[in-house]
Amino acid sequence: MIFKNAMILSGSETKIVDIEVRGQIISKIGENLSGEGYDLKGAFVTGGAIDPHAHFRQPGFEAKETIKTGSLSAAKGGVFTAFAMPNLNPVPDCAENLQKEIDIIKRDACITVLPFGAVTKGQQGRQLSDIASIADKVVAFSDDGKCVNDTGLLLEAMQEVKKTGKIICSHAEAAGYGDSEQAEYIAVERELNLVKKSGVKYHFCHMSTAESFDLIRGAKADGMDVSCEVTPHHLSYCAVEKTDANFKMNPPLRQKKDVEAARAALLDGTADMIATDHAPHTEYEKSQAWNIAPYGIIGFETLYPVVITSLYKTGYISLASLVRFTRIGAKNRFGIDAGEIKEGEAATFCALDIDNKRTYKKSEILSMGKNSPYIGMDLYGFNLVSVINGKIKYIDTEALCQTKF
């Protein structure tokens, strides 16, 4: 199969090529290749996003999402590897519970889904999980959604996880401060002090305040093995009036200074990657009053459109930076096996329509969750086709069937 007129990176520049796929491999990249296929008309082809922060909800909360529906949503959005957070039932805090999740992933996932192990049993923050017994089957450890506020227990967790060589991913939110700015940066400061004592590899999830970025920037300058992520919504939205619960997430949307700080953190290397924090909920849950509705928004299908519209089309980042923030950063930090757009590599790529706007429609969302603040917005960069190991897992039939040859 041939994918004609694909824009790919060549160093820091781009070029238009044809891509030939045979079996599971990119067999040839060149010009005027012959054969059946699709004309991508200059769409930007990349190896797909690696999303280090997502909630698939299964096992335990299948009314919100499943591995099957979540991975289909990810494939549509061009997310080909996603890390599954452990706020499940049962919580993957021991080998038996983790295996239940892994079995579902093997059966139902159409992308690569890598499970987290919980830091504490039941994510209750009272007793450590069976860290050693599950370390070789998890991508990292986290109690995301909750902060391990017991300082002694967190230090013990760091010491145990360090023995495994894995990374702890932190939901930094100090107790007693709600979801305020102080809750985040007070927790970041406390945890950095513990990281310095333990020497563990540490990652901060969904950073959102200027103060947090300053602390992490300083820690990196001191040689500490820390990293952090930012979300598309914290890069594109400021705080809003608390009426529509589709804008309710944790951490919440911050002030303009914090959005600017998040963008600056990406550019100077303080922030290493972009993560969706894909968090589906039922429509009923999100239809409730702000103070009752749960935190979280979906993000797989809008990762590229939001980042491309708010950062690339405004001249803030290049396409090379787009790939670095959505793919290379997580690949390098977590040691993920992911190829490139080259002859002989696995035929795994998506094609992003960076030059045309489309309206993000609720009716087209593949995730079971419809809780997105971007519904109704006109965005650049929607994915046209997802090829994974030579097989088309998603195709925008309206856009591409007209270009089939």
Protein backbone atom coordinates (compact mmCIF):
# COMPACT_ATOMS: atom_id res chain seq x y z
CA MET A 1 0.00 0.00 0.00
CA ILE A 2 1.20 3.50 -0.88
CA PHE A 3 0.63 6.68 1.12
CA LYS A 4 1.40 9.51 -1.28
CA ASN A 5 2.37 13.09 -0.51
CA ALA A 6 3.20 12.53 3.14
CA MET A 7 5.06 15.30 4.95
CA ILE A 8 7.81 13.84 7.15
CA LEU A 9 10.66 15.25 9.19
CA SER A 10 14.14 15.17 7.71
CA GLY A 11 16.30 16.45 10.54
CA SER A 12 14.60 19.63 11.67
CA GLU A 13 13.13 20.28 8.22
CA THR A 14 10.21 18.65 6.41
CA LYS A 15 9.86 17.06 3.00
CA ILE A 16 7.07 15.52 0.94
CA VAL A 17 7.46 11.82 0.13
CA ASP A 18 5.54 8.68 -0.75
CA ILE A 19 5.57 5.85 1.81
CA GLU A 20 5.25 2.22 0.74
CA VAL A 21 4.03 -0.33 3.28
CA ARG A 22 4.55 -4.06 2.77
CA GLY A 23 3.41 -6.39 5.50
CA GLN A 24 4.32 -4.78 8.82
CA ILE A 25 7.24 -2.75 7.49
CA ILE A 26 7.88 0.58 5.78
CA SER A 27 9.47 -0.93 2.69
CA LYS A 28 10.28 2.24 0.77
CA ILE A 29 10.24 6.02 1.10
CA GLY A 30 10.63 7.99 -2.11
CA GLU A 31 8.90 9.91 -4.86
CA ASN A 32 6.33 8.84 -7.45
CA LEU A 33 5.93 5.34 -6.00
CA SER A 34 3.38 3.22 -7.83
CA GLY A 35 0.66 1.06 -6.35
CA GLU A 36 -2.71 1.34 -4.65
CA GLY A 37 -3.21 3.55 -1.63
CA TYR A 38 -4.19 6.99 -0.39
CA ASP A 39 -3.11 10.54 -1.19
CA LEU A 40 -2.39 12.29 2.12
CA LYS A 41 -2.11 15.69 0.39
CA GLY A 42 0.68 16.97 2.58
CA ALA A 43 -0.56 15.69 5.94
CA PHE A 44 2.19 15.48 8.55
CA VAL A 45 3.19 11.87 9.22
CA THR A 46 4.66 10.94 12.60
CA GLY A 47 5.09 7.72 14.54
CA GLY A 48 2.20 8.55 16.86
CA ALA A 49 2.04 9.87 20.39
CA ILE A 50 3.25 8.18 23.55
CA ASP A 51 0.85 9.30 26.26
CA PRO A 52 2.29 8.80 29.75
CA HIS A 53 -0.94 9.53 31.59
CA ALA A 54 -4.36 8.05 30.84
CA HIS A 55 -7.30 6.48 32.65
CA PHE A 56 -8.83 3.46 30.91
CA ARG A 57 -11.22 2.70 33.82
CA GLN A 58 -11.11 -1.10 33.37
CA PRO A 59 -11.33 -3.20 35.45
CA GLY A 60 -13.91 -1.72 37.78
CA PHE A 61 -15.44 1.31 36.10
CA GLU A 62 -16.60 0.07 32.72
CA ALA A 63 -19.55 2.51 32.61
CA LYS A 64 -16.97 5.25 31.97
CA GLU A 65 -14.55 3.52 29.57
CA THR A 66 -13.05 0.13 28.70
CA ILE A 67 -9.69 -0.94 27.37
CA LYS A 68 -11.39 -1.60 24.03
CA THR A 69 -13.14 1.77 23.69
CA GLY A 70 -10.26 3.71 25.18
CA SER A 71 -7.72 2.17 22.83
CA LEU A 72 -9.99 2.78 19.83
CA SER A 73 -10.26 6.42 20.89
CA ALA A 74 -6.48 6.59 21.25
CA ALA A 75 -5.93 5.02 17.84
CA LYS A 76 -8.27 7.58 16.29
CA GLY A 77 -6.32 10.39 17.92
CA GLY A 78 -2.92 9.07 16.86
CA VAL A 79 -1.94 7.88 20.34
CA PHE A 80 -0.27 4.50 19.86
CA THR A 81 1.19 3.94 23.32
CA ALA A 82 -0.61 4.94 26.51
CA PHE A 83 0.18 4.38 30.17
CA ALA A 84 -2.84 3.18 32.18
CA MET A 85 -3.20 4.76 35.62
CA PRO A 86 -3.95 2.39 38.53
CA ASN A 87 -7.12 3.94 39.99
CA LEU A 88 -9.04 0.77 39.17
CA ASN A 89 -10.98 -1.95 40.99
CA PRO A 90 -9.09 -4.00 41.90
CA VAL A 91 -6.13 -1.65 42.21
CA PRO A 92 -3.01 -3.19 40.59
CA ASP A 93 -1.08 -3.31 43.87
CA CYS A 94 -0.11 -7.00 43.74
CA ALA A 95 0.63 -9.61 41.06
CA GLU A 96 -2.88 -11.10 41.11
CA ASN A 97 -4.67 -7.78 40.65
CA LEU A 98 -2.22 -6.57 38.03
CA GLN A 99 -2.65 -9.74 36.00
CA LYS A 100 -6.40 -9.11 35.72
CA GLU A 101 -5.68 -5.80 34.02
CA ILE A 102 -2.96 -7.26 31.80
CA ASP A 103 -5.30 -10.04 30.61
CA ILE A 104 -7.89 -7.47 29.51
CA ILE A 105 -5.23 -5.41 27.75
CA LYS A 106 -3.97 -8.45 25.84
CA ARG A 107 -7.51 -9.33 24.80
CA ASP A 108 -8.96 -5.94 23.91
CA ALA A 109 -6.35 -3.25 23.23
CA CYS A 110 -5.65 -2.15 19.65
CA ILE A 111 -2.72 0.03 20.75
CA THR A 112 0.09 -0.56 23.24
CA VAL A 113 -1.31 -0.07 26.75
CA LEU A 114 1.26 -0.17 29.55
CA PRO A 115 -0.07 -0.51 33.11
CA PHE A 116 1.10 1.42 36.15
CA GLY A 117 1.57 -0.30 39.47
CA ALA A 118 0.12 1.37 42.55
CA VAL A 119 2.52 2.84 45.09
CA THR A 120 0.30 1.95 48.05
CA LYS A 121 -2.21 -0.82 48.67
CA GLY A 122 -5.59 0.19 47.36
CA GLN A 123 -4.11 3.64 46.75
CA GLN A 124 -4.98 4.33 50.38
CA GLY A 125 -1.63 5.84 51.34
CA ARG A 126 -1.21 3.61 54.40
CA GLN A 127 0.86 0.60 53.32
CA LEU A 128 3.17 -0.02 50.38
CA SER A 129 1.99 -2.20 47.53
CA ASP A 130 3.92 -5.34 46.53
CA ILE A 131 6.41 -3.22 44.62
CA ALA A 132 9.09 -5.85 44.03
CA SER A 133 6.65 -8.51 42.80
CA ILE A 134 5.06 -6.36 40.09
CA ALA A 135 7.95 -4.12 39.02
CA ASP A 136 8.89 -6.12 35.92
CA LYS A 137 5.32 -5.94 34.56
CA VAL A 138 4.60 -2.23 35.00
CA VAL A 139 5.85 0.84 33.19
CA ALA A 140 6.16 2.84 36.43
CA PHE A 141 4.52 3.35 39.81
CA SER A 142 1.87 5.90 40.76
CA ASP A 143 -1.04 6.59 43.08
CA ASP A 144 -2.37 9.16 40.59
CA GLY A 145 -5.58 10.80 41.64
CA LYS A 146 -4.22 10.79 45.16
CA CYS A 147 -1.08 12.14 46.78
CA VAL A 148 0.95 10.02 49.20
CA ASN A 149 0.91 12.58 52.01
CA ASP A 150 2.62 10.39 54.62
CA THR A 151 6.19 11.64 54.25
CA GLY A 152 7.75 8.60 55.90
CA LEU A 153 5.78 6.19 53.74
CA LEU A 154 6.61 8.11 50.57
CA LEU A 155 10.33 8.03 51.38
CA GLU A 156 10.05 4.28 51.99
CA ALA A 157 8.28 3.92 48.63
CA MET A 158 11.04 5.86 46.90
CA GLN A 159 13.67 3.60 48.43
CA GLU A 160 11.83 0.45 47.35
CA VAL A 161 11.12 1.69 43.82
CA LYS A 162 14.73 2.78 43.41
CA LYS A 163 15.78 -0.86 43.87
CA THR A 164 13.68 -1.79 40.83
CA GLY A 165 15.03 0.96 38.57
CA LYS A 166 11.50 2.17 37.86
CA ILE A 167 10.09 5.70 38.08
CA ILE A 168 7.52 7.05 40.53
CA CYS A 169 4.93 9.33 38.91
CA SER A 170 3.45 11.75 41.39
CA HIS A 171 0.08 13.43 41.70
CA ALA A 172 1.49 16.31 43.74
CA GLU A 173 -1.31 17.75 45.87
CA ALA A 174 -0.61 18.55 49.51
CA ALA A 175 -3.42 17.76 51.94
CA GLY A 176 -5.39 20.64 53.37
CA TYR A 177 -5.14 23.03 50.43
CA GLY A 178 -7.89 21.72 48.14
CA ASP A 179 -6.89 21.99 44.48
CA SER A 180 -5.24 25.40 44.92
CA GLU A 181 -1.90 26.46 43.47
CA GLN A 182 -0.36 26.06 46.92
CA ALA A 183 -1.48 22.43 47.09
CA GLU A 184 0.63 21.64 44.06
CA TYR A 185 3.84 23.53 44.66
CA ILE A 186 4.00 22.73 48.39
CA ALA A 187 3.78 19.04 47.49
CA VAL A 188 6.39 19.43 44.75
CA GLU A 189 8.82 21.07 47.17
CA ARG A 190 8.29 18.35 49.79
CA GLU A 191 8.71 15.55 47.28
CA LEU A 192 11.85 17.04 45.75
CA ASN A 193 13.45 17.03 49.19
CA LEU A 194 12.63 13.33 49.50
CA VAL A 195 13.90 12.59 46.00
CA LYS A 196 17.20 14.22 46.96
CA LYS A 197 17.44 11.89 49.97
CA SER A 198 16.45 8.72 48.14
CA GLY A 199 17.94 9.17 44.68
CA VAL A 200 14.87 7.65 43.04
CA LYS A 201 13.88 8.54 39.48
CA TYR A 202 10.83 10.78 39.81
CA HIS A 203 8.21 12.22 37.49
CA PHE A 204 5.62 14.88 38.27
CA CYS A 205 2.24 14.45 36.58
CA HIS A 206 0.20 17.31 35.08
CA MET A 207 2.20 20.27 36.41
CA SER A 208 0.22 23.49 36.23
CA THR A 209 1.71 26.32 38.29
CA ALA A 210 4.59 28.70 37.66
CA GLU A 211 5.96 27.95 41.13
CA SER A 212 6.09 24.21 40.43
CA PHE A 213 8.00 24.73 37.20
CA ASP A 214 10.50 26.95 39.01
CA LEU A 215 11.09 24.24 41.62
CA ILE A 216 11.55 21.51 39.03
CA ARG A 217 13.81 23.73 36.94
CA GLY A 218 16.00 24.24 39.98
CA ALA A 219 16.04 20.52 40.79
CA LYS A 220 17.19 19.69 37.28
CA ALA A 221 19.91 22.32 37.52
CA ASP A 222 21.07 20.58 40.71
CA GLY A 223 21.36 17.29 38.82
CA MET A 224 18.32 15.54 40.28
CA ASP A 225 16.77 12.77 38.17
CA VAL A 226 13.34 14.35 37.82
CA SER A 227 10.96 15.02 34.95
CA CYS A 228 7.48 16.41 34.47
CA GLU A 229 4.58 16.55 32.06
CA VAL A 230 2.04 19.18 31.06
CA THR A 231 -1.39 18.68 29.54
CA PRO A 232 -2.88 20.24 26.40
CA HIS A 233 -5.57 21.94 28.48
CA HIS A 234 -3.08 23.58 30.83
CA LEU A 235 -1.22 24.82 27.76
CA SER A 236 -4.28 26.25 26.04
CA TYR A 237 -6.90 27.35 28.60
CA CYS A 238 -6.97 29.78 31.51
CA ALA A 239 -9.31 29.52 34.49
CA VAL A 240 -13.01 29.75 33.61
CA GLU A 241 -16.24 30.47 35.44
CA LYS A 242 -17.23 27.33 37.34
CA THR A 243 -20.41 26.40 35.50
CA ASP A 244 -19.68 23.75 32.83
CA ALA A 245 -18.21 20.64 34.47
CA ASN A 246 -16.51 19.70 31.21
CA PHE A 247 -13.97 22.34 32.25
CA LYS A 248 -13.47 20.71 35.66
CA MET A 249 -10.22 18.81 36.03
CA ASN A 250 -7.54 18.30 38.65
CA PRO A 251 -5.33 20.25 38.74
CA PRO A 252 -7.78 22.92 37.63
CA LEU A 253 -7.19 25.45 34.90
CA ARG A 254 -4.89 28.16 36.22
CA GLN A 255 -4.14 31.82 35.56
CA LYS A 256 -2.56 33.30 32.43
CA LYS A 257 0.85 33.46 34.14
CA ASP A 258 0.70 29.71 34.71
CA VAL A 259 -0.21 28.95 31.09
CA GLU A 260 2.74 31.08 30.01
CA ALA A 261 4.98 29.30 32.53
CA ALA A 262 3.88 25.89 31.23
CA ARG A 263 4.73 26.88 27.68
CA ALA A 264 8.08 28.30 28.73
CA ALA A 265 8.82 25.10 30.66
CA LEU A 266 8.37 23.05 27.50
CA LEU A 267 10.69 25.26 25.52
CA ASP A 268 13.50 25.33 28.08
CA GLY A 269 13.36 21.62 28.89
CA THR A 270 11.87 21.90 32.36
CA ALA A 271 8.80 20.04 31.11
CA ASP A 272 9.75 16.90 29.23
CA MET A 273 6.53 15.80 27.57
CA ILE A 274 2.83 16.41 26.97
CA ALA A 275 0.28 14.01 28.50
CA THR A 276 -3.47 13.97 27.98
CA ASP A 277 -4.64 12.82 31.44
CA HIS A 278 -7.50 11.22 29.46
CA ALA A 279 -10.20 10.81 32.13
CA PRO A 280 -13.61 9.71 30.82
CA HIS A 281 -16.79 9.95 32.88
CA THR A 282 -20.43 9.24 32.13
CA GLU A 283 -22.56 12.03 30.75
CA TYR A 284 -24.76 11.89 33.84
CA GLU A 285 -21.79 12.42 36.13
CA LYS A 286 -20.61 15.43 34.17
CA SER A 287 -24.12 16.90 33.86
CA GLN A 288 -24.24 17.50 37.61
CA ALA A 289 -23.47 20.75 39.40
CA TRP A 290 -19.83 21.83 39.43
CA ASN A 291 -19.24 20.95 43.09
CA ILE A 292 -20.67 17.44 42.60
CA ALA A 293 -19.35 16.47 39.15
CA PRO A 294 -16.10 14.48 39.10
CA TYR A 295 -12.77 15.86 37.96
CA GLY A 296 -11.45 15.00 34.52
CA ILE A 297 -11.80 15.39 30.76
CA ILE A 298 -11.11 13.12 27.81
CA GLY A 299 -8.06 13.84 25.70
CA PHE A 300 -6.93 11.12 23.30
CA GLU A 301 -8.76 12.46 20.24
CA THR A 302 -7.81 16.10 20.83
CA LEU A 303 -4.16 15.77 21.87
CA TYR A 304 -2.78 16.64 18.46
CA PRO A 305 -5.50 19.13 17.41
CA VAL A 306 -5.22 21.19 20.60
CA VAL A 307 -1.42 21.26 20.62
CA ILE A 308 -1.20 21.97 16.89
CA THR A 309 -3.85 24.71 17.04
CA SER A 310 -2.64 26.45 20.20
CA LEU A 311 1.13 26.01 19.85
CA TYR A 312 2.18 25.05 16.31
CA LYS A 313 -0.19 27.20 14.25
CA THR A 314 0.61 30.19 16.46
CA GLY A 315 4.33 29.77 15.79
CA TYR A 316 5.19 28.79 19.34
CA ILE A 317 6.65 25.37 18.46
CA SER A 318 7.92 23.62 15.33
CA LEU A 319 6.82 20.24 14.01
CA ALA A 320 10.08 18.79 15.31
CA SER A 321 9.16 20.10 18.76
CA LEU A 322 5.66 18.65 18.40
CA VAL A 323 7.20 15.21 17.92
CA ARG A 324 9.60 15.76 20.81
CA PHE A 325 6.86 16.74 23.25
CA THR A 326 4.27 14.13 22.22
CA ARG A 327 6.58 11.20 21.53
CA ILE A 328 10.32 11.46 22.08
CA GLY A 329 10.17 12.90 25.60
CA ALA A 330 8.17 10.00 27.03
CA LYS A 331 10.06 7.47 24.90
CA ASN A 332 13.40 8.55 26.32
CA ARG A 333 12.28 9.03 29.91
CA PHE A 334 10.44 5.73 30.29
CA GLY A 335 12.54 3.64 27.90
CA ILE A 336 9.74 2.88 25.44
CA ASP A 337 10.50 0.89 22.30
CA ALA A 338 9.21 3.07 19.46
CA GLY A 339 10.52 3.34 15.92
CA GLU A 340 10.90 6.12 13.37
CA ILE A 341 9.56 6.92 9.92
CA LYS A 342 12.34 5.12 8.05
CA GLU A 343 12.71 2.28 5.58
CA GLY A 344 12.87 -1.03 7.39
CA GLU A 345 11.10 0.26 10.50
CA ALA A 346 7.67 -0.90 11.63
CA ALA A 347 4.86 0.63 9.59
CA THR A 348 3.35 2.51 12.52
CA PHE A 349 2.31 6.09 11.90
CA CYS A 350 -0.50 8.60 11.83
CA ALA A 351 -1.18 11.46 9.41
CA LEU A 352 -2.15 14.84 10.87
CA ASP A 353 -4.11 17.34 8.81
CA ILE A 354 -2.19 20.41 9.97
CA ASP A 355 -3.46 22.80 7.29
CA ASN A 356 -7.22 22.38 7.55
CA LYS A 357 -9.63 23.20 10.36
CA ARG A 358 -12.45 20.91 11.39
CA THR A 359 -15.11 21.13 14.05
CA TYR A 360 -14.69 18.71 16.96
CA LYS A 361 -18.08 17.03 17.15
CA LYS A 362 -19.52 15.07 20.06
CA SER A 363 -21.15 12.62 17.65
CA GLU A 364 -17.74 11.60 16.29
CA ILE A 365 -16.07 10.83 19.63
CA LEU A 366 -15.09 7.16 19.97
CA SER A 367 -14.40 7.28 23.71
CA MET A 368 -17.34 6.33 25.91
CA GLY A 369 -16.72 9.60 27.71
CA LYS A 370 -17.96 12.75 25.99
CA ASN A 371 -16.59 15.11 28.65
CA SER A 372 -14.51 17.53 26.62
CA PRO A 373 -14.33 21.32 26.78
CA TYR A 374 -13.28 21.38 23.12
CA ILE A 375 -16.57 20.13 21.65
CA GLY A 376 -17.78 22.60 19.03
CA MET A 377 -14.36 24.17 18.52
CA ASP A 378 -12.68 24.47 15.13
CA LEU A 379 -9.23 22.90 15.35
CA TYR A 380 -6.32 22.06 13.09
CA GLY A 381 -4.44 18.79 13.17
CA PHE A 382 -7.01 16.00 13.33
CA ASN A 383 -5.65 12.56 12.47
CA LEU A 384 -6.59 11.13 9.07
CA VAL A 385 -5.30 7.57 9.36
CA SER A 386 -3.65 5.32 11.93
CA VAL A 387 -1.42 2.51 10.69
CA ILE A 388 -0.08 0.16 13.37
CA ASN A 389 2.33 -2.57 12.29
CA GLY A 390 1.08 -2.29 8.73
CA LYS A 391 -2.63 -2.50 9.56
CA ILE A 392 -5.06 0.40 9.32
CA LYS A 393 -6.62 0.75 12.77
CA TYR A 394 -8.46 3.98 12.03
CA ILE A 395 -9.22 5.92 8.88
CA ASP A 396 -11.14 9.14 8.34
CA THR A 397 -13.31 7.77 5.57
CA GLU A 398 -14.83 11.14 4.72
CA ALA A 399 -11.44 12.75 4.16
CA LEU A 400 -9.41 9.90 2.69
CA CYS A 401 -11.80 7.74 0.70
CA GLN A 402 -11.98 10.56 -1.84
CA THR A 403 -8.21 10.33 -2.25
CA LYS A 404 -8.00 6.54 -2.64
CA PHE A 405 -6.29 5.40 -5.84
